[in-house]
Amino acid sequence: MRTSYRDLDLLRDDRRVPLEYDRHQGTHRLTGPVGSLPLVSLSQGELLAIYFADKVLRQYRGTPFEPDLASAFATVGAAA
């Protein structure tokens, strides 16, 4: 979760993405148009891995396994 907040801070502060937290909805939202962001190139396998990783995290959201899974994905992401 901390990684997500750092990513949002990077988008807002460094990339000047018009982003703010909506307390009523409990989520972040865009408040204006987004300029260009750097492109990220992913292989087909990497894209598929992200898709399935998201499915795994959603399946275990709210369970005792969620913190360990989130930590494992953050560790793998930091090593990449």
PDB file of N, CA and C in Angstrom:
ATOM      1  N   MET A   1       0.813  -1.179   0.000  1.00  0.00           N
ATOM      2  CA  MET A   1       0.000   0.000   0.000  1.00  0.00           C
ATOM      3  C   MET A   1       0.868   1.259   0.000  1.00  0.00           C
ATOM      4  N   ARG A   2       1.965   1.220   0.737  1.00  0.00           N
ATOM      5  CA  ARG A   2       2.846   2.382   0.764  1.00  0.00           C
ATOM      6  C   ARG A   2       3.406   2.681  -0.618  1.00  0.00           C
ATOM      7  N   THR A   3       3.695   1.625  -1.390  1.00  0.00           N
ATOM      8  CA  THR A   3       4.191   1.819  -2.750  1.00  0.00           C
ATOM      9  C   THR A   3       3.163   2.555  -3.593  1.00  0.00           C
ATOM     10  N   SER A   4       1.900   2.226  -3.430  1.00  0.00           N
ATOM     11  CA  SER A   4       0.845   2.910  -4.173  1.00  0.00           C
ATOM     12  C   SER A   4       0.826   4.397  -3.844  1.00  0.00           C
ATOM     13  N   TYR A   5       0.949   4.727  -2.571  1.00  0.00           N
ATOM     14  CA  TYR A   5       0.951   6.129  -2.181  1.00  0.00           C
ATOM     15  C   TYR A   5       2.177   6.857  -2.744  1.00  0.00           C
ATOM     16  N   ARG A   6       3.319   6.191  -2.752  1.00  0.00           N
ATOM     17  CA  ARG A   6       4.514   6.803  -3.342  1.00  0.00           C
ATOM     18  C   ARG A   6       4.315   7.030  -4.839  1.00  0.00           C
ATOM     19  N   ASP A   7       3.681   6.062  -5.509  1.00  0.00           N
ATOM     20  CA  ASP A   7       3.406   6.223  -6.938  1.00  0.00           C
ATOM     21  C   ASP A   7       2.470   7.396  -7.185  1.00  0.00           C
ATOM     22  N   LEU A   8       1.434   7.519  -6.371  1.00  0.00           N
ATOM     23  CA  LEU A   8       0.512   8.645  -6.519  1.00  0.00           C
ATOM     24  C   LEU A   8       1.220   9.972  -6.253  1.00  0.00           C
ATOM     25  N   ASP A   9       2.082  10.009  -5.240  1.00  0.00           N
ATOM     26  CA  ASP A   9       2.857  11.227  -4.956  1.00  0.00           C
ATOM     27  C   ASP A   9       3.763  11.576  -6.128  1.00  0.00           C
ATOM     28  N   LEU A  10       4.395  10.582  -6.728  1.00  0.00           N
ATOM     29  CA  LEU A  10       5.263  10.813  -7.877  1.00  0.00           C
ATOM     30  C   LEU A  10       4.468  11.390  -9.045  1.00  0.00           C
ATOM     31  N   LEU A  11       3.313  10.801  -9.324  1.00  0.00           N
ATOM     32  CA  LEU A  11       2.487  11.310 -10.416  1.00  0.00           C
ATOM     33  C   LEU A  11       2.067  12.759 -10.161  1.00  0.00           C
ATOM     34  N   ARG A  12       1.621  13.036  -8.944  1.00  0.00           N
ATOM     35  CA  ARG A  12       1.133  14.371  -8.617  1.00  0.00           C
ATOM     36  C   ARG A  12       2.267  15.394  -8.554  1.00  0.00           C
ATOM     37  N   ASP A  13       3.350  15.064  -7.855  1.00  0.00           N
ATOM     38  CA  ASP A  13       4.401  16.046  -7.577  1.00  0.00           C
ATOM     39  C   ASP A  13       5.450  16.151  -8.681  1.00  0.00           C
ATOM     40  N   ASP A  14       5.913  15.028  -9.198  1.00  0.00           N
ATOM     41  CA  ASP A  14       6.983  15.054 -10.197  1.00  0.00           C
ATOM     42  C   ASP A  14       6.458  15.159 -11.626  1.00  0.00           C
ATOM     43  N   ARG A  15       5.367  14.473 -11.909  1.00  0.00           N
ATOM     44  CA  ARG A  15       4.819  14.463 -13.272  1.00  0.00           C
ATOM     45  C   ARG A  15       3.701  15.476 -13.465  1.00  0.00           C
ATOM     46  N   ARG A  16       3.352  16.182 -12.398  1.00  0.00           N
ATOM     47  CA  ARG A  16       2.325  17.231 -12.439  1.00  0.00           C
ATOM     48  C   ARG A  16       0.976  16.733 -12.974  1.00  0.00           C
ATOM     49  N   VAL A  17       0.611  15.519 -12.590  1.00  0.00           N
ATOM     50  CA  VAL A  17      -0.703  14.976 -12.946  1.00  0.00           C
ATOM     51  C   VAL A  17      -1.719  15.582 -11.984  1.00  0.00           C
ATOM     52  N   PRO A  18      -2.810  16.160 -12.510  1.00  0.00           N
ATOM     53  CA  PRO A  18      -3.809  16.798 -11.631  1.00  0.00           C
ATOM     54  C   PRO A  18      -4.622  15.746 -10.876  1.00  0.00           C
ATOM     55  N   LEU A  19      -4.122  15.363  -9.722  1.00  0.00           N
ATOM     56  CA  LEU A  19      -4.652  14.247  -8.958  1.00  0.00           C
ATOM     57  C   LEU A  19      -4.944  14.717  -7.549  1.00  0.00           C
ATOM     58  N   GLU A  20      -6.107  14.341  -7.023  1.00  0.00           N
ATOM     59  CA  GLU A  20      -6.399  14.672  -5.625  1.00  0.00           C
ATOM     60  C   GLU A  20      -7.225  13.548  -5.001  1.00  0.00           C
ATOM     61  N   TYR A  21      -7.159  13.499  -3.670  1.00  0.00           N
ATOM     62  CA  TYR A  21      -7.890  12.487  -2.924  1.00  0.00           C
ATOM     63  C   TYR A  21      -9.317  12.960  -2.700  1.00  0.00           C
ATOM     64  N   ASP A  22     -10.275  12.114  -3.012  1.00  0.00           N
ATOM     65  CA  ASP A  22     -11.695  12.400  -2.797  1.00  0.00           C
ATOM     66  C   ASP A  22     -12.126  11.663  -1.533  1.00  0.00           C
ATOM     67  N   ARG A  23     -12.237  12.380  -0.423  1.00  0.00           N
ATOM     68  CA  ARG A  23     -12.574  11.766   0.865  1.00  0.00           C
ATOM     69  C   ARG A  23     -13.965  11.135   0.848  1.00  0.00           C
ATOM     70  N   HIS A  24     -14.881  11.738   0.128  1.00  0.00           N
ATOM     71  CA  HIS A  24     -16.251  11.219   0.063  1.00  0.00           C
ATOM     72  C   HIS A  24     -16.281   9.819  -0.568  1.00  0.00           C
ATOM     73  N   GLN A  25     -15.531   9.638  -1.650  1.00  0.00           N
ATOM     74  CA  GLN A  25     -15.512   8.342  -2.334  1.00  0.00           C
ATOM     75  C   GLN A  25     -14.386   7.442  -1.846  1.00  0.00           C
ATOM     76  N   GLY A  26     -13.461   7.989  -1.074  1.00  0.00           N
ATOM     77  CA  GLY A  26     -12.359   7.195  -0.542  1.00  0.00           C
ATOM     78  C   GLY A  26     -11.372   6.751  -1.599  1.00  0.00           C
ATOM     79  N   THR A  27     -11.167   7.586  -2.616  1.00  0.00           N
ATOM     80  CA  THR A  27     -10.253   7.230  -3.698  1.00  0.00           C
ATOM     81  C   THR A  27      -9.621   8.489  -4.284  1.00  0.00           C
ATOM     82  N   HIS A  28      -8.593   8.300  -5.077  1.00  0.00           N
ATOM     83  CA  HIS A  28      -7.987   9.418  -5.786  1.00  0.00           C
ATOM     84  C   HIS A  28      -8.696   9.587  -7.124  1.00  0.00           C
ATOM     85  N   ARG A  29      -8.709  10.833  -7.616  1.00  0.00           N
ATOM     86  CA  ARG A  29      -9.331  11.077  -8.909  1.00  0.00           C
ATOM     87  C   ARG A  29      -8.576  12.172  -9.636  1.00  0.00           C
ATOM     88  N   LEU A  30      -8.715  12.154 -10.964  1.00  0.00           N
ATOM     89  CA  LEU A  30      -8.118  13.194 -11.780  1.00  0.00           C
ATOM     90  C   LEU A  30      -8.997  14.433 -11.715  1.00  0.00           C
ATOM     91  N   THR A  31      -8.363  15.605 -11.657  1.00  0.00           N
ATOM     92  CA  THR A  31      -9.120  16.846 -11.579  1.00  0.00           C
ATOM     93  C   THR A  31      -8.960  17.686 -12.843  1.00  0.00           C
ATOM     94  N   GLY A  32      -8.262  17.169 -13.813  1.00  0.00           N
ATOM     95  CA  GLY A  32      -8.051  17.895 -15.058  1.00  0.00           C
ATOM     96  C   GLY A  32      -7.415  16.994 -16.084  1.00  0.00           C
ATOM     97  N   PRO A  33      -7.133  17.557 -17.261  1.00  0.00           N
ATOM     98  CA  PRO A  33      -6.516  16.740 -18.312  1.00  0.00           C
ATOM     99  C   PRO A  33      -5.088  16.346 -17.940  1.00  0.00           C
ATOM    100  N   VAL A  34      -4.679  15.196 -18.423  1.00  0.00           N
ATOM    101  CA  VAL A  34      -3.342  14.670 -18.168  1.00  0.00           C
ATOM    102  C   VAL A  34      -2.483  14.916 -19.394  1.00  0.00           C
ATOM    103  N   GLY A  35      -1.312  15.506 -19.191  1.00  0.00           N
ATOM    104  CA  GLY A  35      -0.367  15.695 -20.282  1.00  0.00           C
ATOM    105  C   GLY A  35       0.268  14.368 -20.646  1.00  0.00           C
ATOM    106  N   SER A  36       1.362  14.413 -21.287  1.00  0.00           N
ATOM    107  CA  SER A  36       2.020  13.174 -21.692  1.00  0.00           C
ATOM    108  C   SER A  36       2.792  12.566 -20.519  1.00  0.00           C
ATOM    109  N   LEU A  37       2.751  11.277 -20.452  1.00  0.00           N
ATOM    110  CA  LEU A  37       3.517  10.521 -19.465  1.00  0.00           C
ATOM    111  C   LEU A  37       4.485   9.621 -20.225  1.00  0.00           C
ATOM    112  N   PRO A  38       5.594   9.243 -19.608  1.00  0.00           N
ATOM    113  CA  PRO A  38       6.528   8.364 -20.302  1.00  0.00           C
ATOM    114  C   PRO A  38       5.875   7.017 -20.618  1.00  0.00           C
ATOM    115  N   LEU A  39       6.182   6.502 -21.790  1.00  0.00           N
ATOM    116  CA  LEU A  39       5.646   5.205 -22.187  1.00  0.00           C
ATOM    117  C   LEU A  39       6.371   4.086 -21.451  1.00  0.00           C
ATOM    118  N   VAL A  40       5.645   3.032 -21.172  1.00  0.00           N
ATOM    119  CA  VAL A  40       6.210   1.848 -20.546  1.00  0.00           C
ATOM    120  C   VAL A  40       6.055   0.707 -21.526  1.00  0.00           C
ATOM    121  N   SER A  41       7.163   0.091 -21.874  1.00  0.00           N
ATOM    122  CA  SER A  41       7.114  -1.040 -22.799  1.00  0.00           C
ATOM    123  C   SER A  41       7.065  -2.339 -22.016  1.00  0.00           C
ATOM    124  N   LEU A  42       6.075  -3.156 -22.315  1.00  0.00           N
ATOM    125  CA  LEU A  42       5.932  -4.458 -21.667  1.00  0.00           C
ATOM    126  C   LEU A  42       5.837  -5.531 -22.727  1.00  0.00           C
ATOM    127  N   SER A  43       6.440  -6.658 -22.436  1.00  0.00           N
ATOM    128  CA  SER A  43       6.279  -7.796 -23.335  1.00  0.00           C
ATOM    129  C   SER A  43       4.894  -8.396 -23.104  1.00  0.00           C
ATOM    130  N   GLN A  44       4.480  -9.257 -23.997  1.00  0.00           N
ATOM    131  CA  GLN A  44       3.188  -9.915 -23.844  1.00  0.00           C
ATOM    132  C   GLN A  44       3.170 -10.736 -22.555  1.00  0.00           C
ATOM    133  N   GLY A  45       4.270 -11.396 -22.238  1.00  0.00           N
ATOM    134  CA  GLY A  45       4.363 -12.189 -21.018  1.00  0.00           C
ATOM    135  C   GLY A  45       4.275 -11.332 -19.766  1.00  0.00           C
ATOM    136  N   GLU A  46       4.927 -10.170 -19.778  1.00  0.00           N
ATOM    137  CA  GLU A  46       4.863  -9.262 -18.631  1.00  0.00           C
ATOM    138  C   GLU A  46       3.451  -8.732 -18.426  1.00  0.00           C
ATOM    139  N   LEU A  47       2.796  -8.401 -19.523  1.00  0.00           N
ATOM    140  CA  LEU A  47       1.425  -7.917 -19.429  1.00  0.00           C
ATOM    141  C   LEU A  47       0.503  -8.994 -18.858  1.00  0.00           C
ATOM    142  N   LEU A  48       0.676 -10.210 -19.305  1.00  0.00           N
ATOM    143  CA  LEU A  48      -0.113 -11.330 -18.795  1.00  0.00           C
ATOM    144  C   LEU A  48       0.174 -11.565 -17.310  1.00  0.00           C
ATOM    145  N   ALA A  49       1.439 -11.443 -16.924  1.00  0.00           N
ATOM    146  CA  ALA A  49       1.804 -11.623 -15.512  1.00  0.00           C
ATOM    147  C   ALA A  49       1.135 -10.561 -14.636  1.00  0.00           C
ATOM    148  N   ILE A  50       1.086  -9.331 -15.103  1.00  0.00           N
ATOM    149  CA  ILE A  50       0.418  -8.269 -14.341  1.00  0.00           C
ATOM    150  C   ILE A  50      -1.068  -8.550 -14.217  1.00  0.00           C
ATOM    151  N   TYR A  51      -1.669  -9.009 -15.300  1.00  0.00           N
ATOM    152  CA  TYR A  51      -3.095  -9.338 -15.285  1.00  0.00           C
ATOM    153  C   TYR A  51      -3.391 -10.397 -14.222  1.00  0.00           C
ATOM    154  N   PHE A  52      -2.612 -11.477 -14.215  1.00  0.00           N
ATOM    155  CA  PHE A  52      -2.867 -12.546 -13.255  1.00  0.00           C
ATOM    156  C   PHE A  52      -2.495 -12.139 -11.831  1.00  0.00           C
ATOM    157  N   ALA A  53      -1.463 -11.321 -11.673  1.00  0.00           N
ATOM    158  CA  ALA A  53      -1.104 -10.848 -10.338  1.00  0.00           C
ATOM    159  C   ALA A  53      -2.248 -10.026  -9.744  1.00  0.00           C
ATOM    160  N   ASP A  54      -2.869  -9.201 -10.566  1.00  0.00           N
ATOM    161  CA  ASP A  54      -4.016  -8.420 -10.108  1.00  0.00           C
ATOM    162  C   ASP A  54      -5.153  -9.338  -9.680  1.00  0.00           C
ATOM    163  N   LYS A  55      -5.410 -10.391 -10.449  1.00  0.00           N
ATOM    164  CA  LYS A  55      -6.476 -11.342 -10.108  1.00  0.00           C
ATOM    165  C   LYS A  55      -6.191 -12.019  -8.764  1.00  0.00           C
ATOM    166  N   VAL A  56      -4.943 -12.395  -8.547  1.00  0.00           N
ATOM    167  CA  VAL A  56      -4.575 -13.056  -7.291  1.00  0.00           C
ATOM    168  C   VAL A  56      -4.781 -12.105  -6.116  1.00  0.00           C
ATOM    169  N   LEU A  57      -4.309 -10.869  -6.253  1.00  0.00           N
ATOM    170  CA  LEU A  57      -4.468  -9.909  -5.157  1.00  0.00           C
ATOM    171  C   LEU A  57      -5.934  -9.647  -4.847  1.00  0.00           C
ATOM    172  N   ARG A  58      -6.756  -9.522  -5.873  1.00  0.00           N
ATOM    173  CA  ARG A  58      -8.185  -9.278  -5.637  1.00  0.00           C
ATOM    174  C   ARG A  58      -8.845 -10.463  -4.934  1.00  0.00           C
ATOM    175  N   GLN A  59      -8.452 -11.662  -5.308  1.00  0.00           N
ATOM    176  CA  GLN A  59      -9.048 -12.861  -4.728  1.00  0.00           C
ATOM    177  C   GLN A  59      -8.784 -12.954  -3.231  1.00  0.00           C
ATOM    178  N   TYR A  60      -7.635 -12.455  -2.785  1.00  0.00           N
ATOM    179  CA  TYR A  60      -7.260 -12.577  -1.382  1.00  0.00           C
ATOM    180  C   TYR A  60      -7.416 -11.276  -0.593  1.00  0.00           C
ATOM    181  N   ARG A  61      -8.031 -10.258  -1.202  1.00  0.00           N
ATOM    182  CA  ARG A  61      -8.251  -8.982  -0.514  1.00  0.00           C
ATOM    183  C   ARG A  61      -9.128  -9.218   0.719  1.00  0.00           C
ATOM    184  N   GLY A  62      -8.694  -8.660   1.829  1.00  0.00           N
ATOM    185  CA  GLY A  62      -9.457  -8.788   3.065  1.00  0.00           C
ATOM    186  C   GLY A  62      -9.217 -10.079   3.830  1.00  0.00           C
ATOM    187  N   THR A  63      -8.313 -10.922   3.334  1.00  0.00           N
ATOM    188  CA  THR A  63      -8.001 -12.167   4.035  1.00  0.00           C
ATOM    189  C   THR A  63      -6.681 -12.003   4.786  1.00  0.00           C
ATOM    190  N   PRO A  64      -6.346 -12.950   5.649  1.00  0.00           N
ATOM    191  CA  PRO A  64      -5.063 -12.866   6.349  1.00  0.00           C
ATOM    192  C   PRO A  64      -3.854 -12.944   5.405  1.00  0.00           C
ATOM    193  N   PHE A  65      -4.048 -13.410   4.171  1.00  0.00           N
ATOM    194  CA  PHE A  65      -2.952 -13.548   3.213  1.00  0.00           C
ATOM    195  C   PHE A  65      -2.629 -12.246   2.479  1.00  0.00           C
ATOM    196  N   GLU A  66      -3.538 -11.290   2.518  1.00  0.00           N
ATOM    197  CA  GLU A  66      -3.366 -10.056   1.739  1.00  0.00           C
ATOM    198  C   GLU A  66      -2.055  -9.323   2.046  1.00  0.00           C
ATOM    199  N   PRO A  67      -1.703  -9.091   3.322  1.00  0.00           N
ATOM    200  CA  PRO A  67      -0.453  -8.354   3.579  1.00  0.00           C
ATOM    201  C   PRO A  67       0.782  -9.072   3.046  1.00  0.00           C
ATOM    202  N   ASP A  68       0.822 -10.399   3.188  1.00  0.00           N
ATOM    203  CA  ASP A  68       1.979 -11.145   2.694  1.00  0.00           C
ATOM    204  C   ASP A  68       2.066 -11.113   1.173  1.00  0.00           C
ATOM    205  N   LEU A  69       0.932 -11.239   0.498  1.00  0.00           N
ATOM    206  CA  LEU A  69       0.926 -11.166  -0.962  1.00  0.00           C
ATOM    207  C   LEU A  69       1.344  -9.782  -1.443  1.00  0.00           C
ATOM    208  N   ALA A  70       0.814  -8.753  -0.818  1.00  0.00           N
ATOM    209  CA  ALA A  70       1.172  -7.388  -1.201  1.00  0.00           C
ATOM    210  C   ALA A  70       2.669  -7.154  -0.997  1.00  0.00           C
ATOM    211  N   SER A  71       3.192  -7.649   0.109  1.00  0.00           N
ATOM    212  CA  SER A  71       4.613  -7.513   0.391  1.00  0.00           C
ATOM    213  C   SER A  71       5.455  -8.257  -0.641  1.00  0.00           C
ATOM    214  N   ALA A  72       5.025  -9.468  -0.983  1.00  0.00           N
ATOM    215  CA  ALA A  72       5.767 -10.264  -1.974  1.00  0.00           C
ATOM    216  C   ALA A  72       5.782  -9.559  -3.329  1.00  0.00           C
ATOM    217  N   PHE A  73       4.641  -9.045  -3.773  1.00  0.00           N
ATOM    218  CA  PHE A  73       4.589  -8.342  -5.063  1.00  0.00           C
ATOM    219  C   PHE A  73       5.418  -7.067  -5.024  1.00  0.00           C
ATOM    220  N   ALA A  74       5.425  -6.368  -3.883  1.00  0.00           N
ATOM    221  CA  ALA A  74       6.242  -5.155  -3.756  1.00  0.00           C
ATOM    222  C   ALA A  74       7.718  -5.505  -3.823  1.00  0.00           C
ATOM    223  N   THR A  75       8.110  -6.601  -3.202  1.00  0.00           N
ATOM    224  CA  THR A  75       9.515  -7.036  -3.225  1.00  0.00           C
ATOM    225  C   THR A  75       9.934  -7.380  -4.647  1.00  0.00           C
ATOM    226  N   VAL A  76       9.088  -8.115  -5.347  1.00  0.00           N
ATOM    227  CA  VAL A  76       9.404  -8.469  -6.742  1.00  0.00           C
ATOM    228  C   VAL A  76       9.466  -7.220  -7.604  1.00  0.00           C
ATOM    229  N   GLY A  77       8.538  -6.294  -7.383  1.00  0.00           N
ATOM    230  CA  GLY A  77       8.526  -5.053  -8.152  1.00  0.00           C
ATOM    231  C   GLY A  77       9.767  -4.210  -7.917  1.00  0.00           C
ATOM    232  N   ALA A  78      10.236  -4.180  -6.676  1.00  0.00           N
ATOM    233  CA  ALA A  78      11.429  -3.396  -6.356  1.00  0.00           C
ATOM    234  C   ALA A  78      12.693  -4.011  -6.952  1.00  0.00           C
ATOM    235  N   ALA A  79      12.696  -5.326  -7.108  1.00  0.00           N
ATOM    236  CA  ALA A  79      13.864  -6.007  -7.663  1.00  0.00           C
ATOM    237  C   ALA A  79      13.935  -5.884  -9.181  1.00  0.00           C
ATOM    238  N   ALA A  80      12.809  -5.542  -9.801  1.00  0.00           N
ATOM    239  CA  ALA A  80      12.777  -5.490 -11.269  1.00  0.00           C
ATOM    240  C   ALA A  80      13.479  -4.272 -11.816  1.00  0.00           C
TER     241      ALA A  80
END
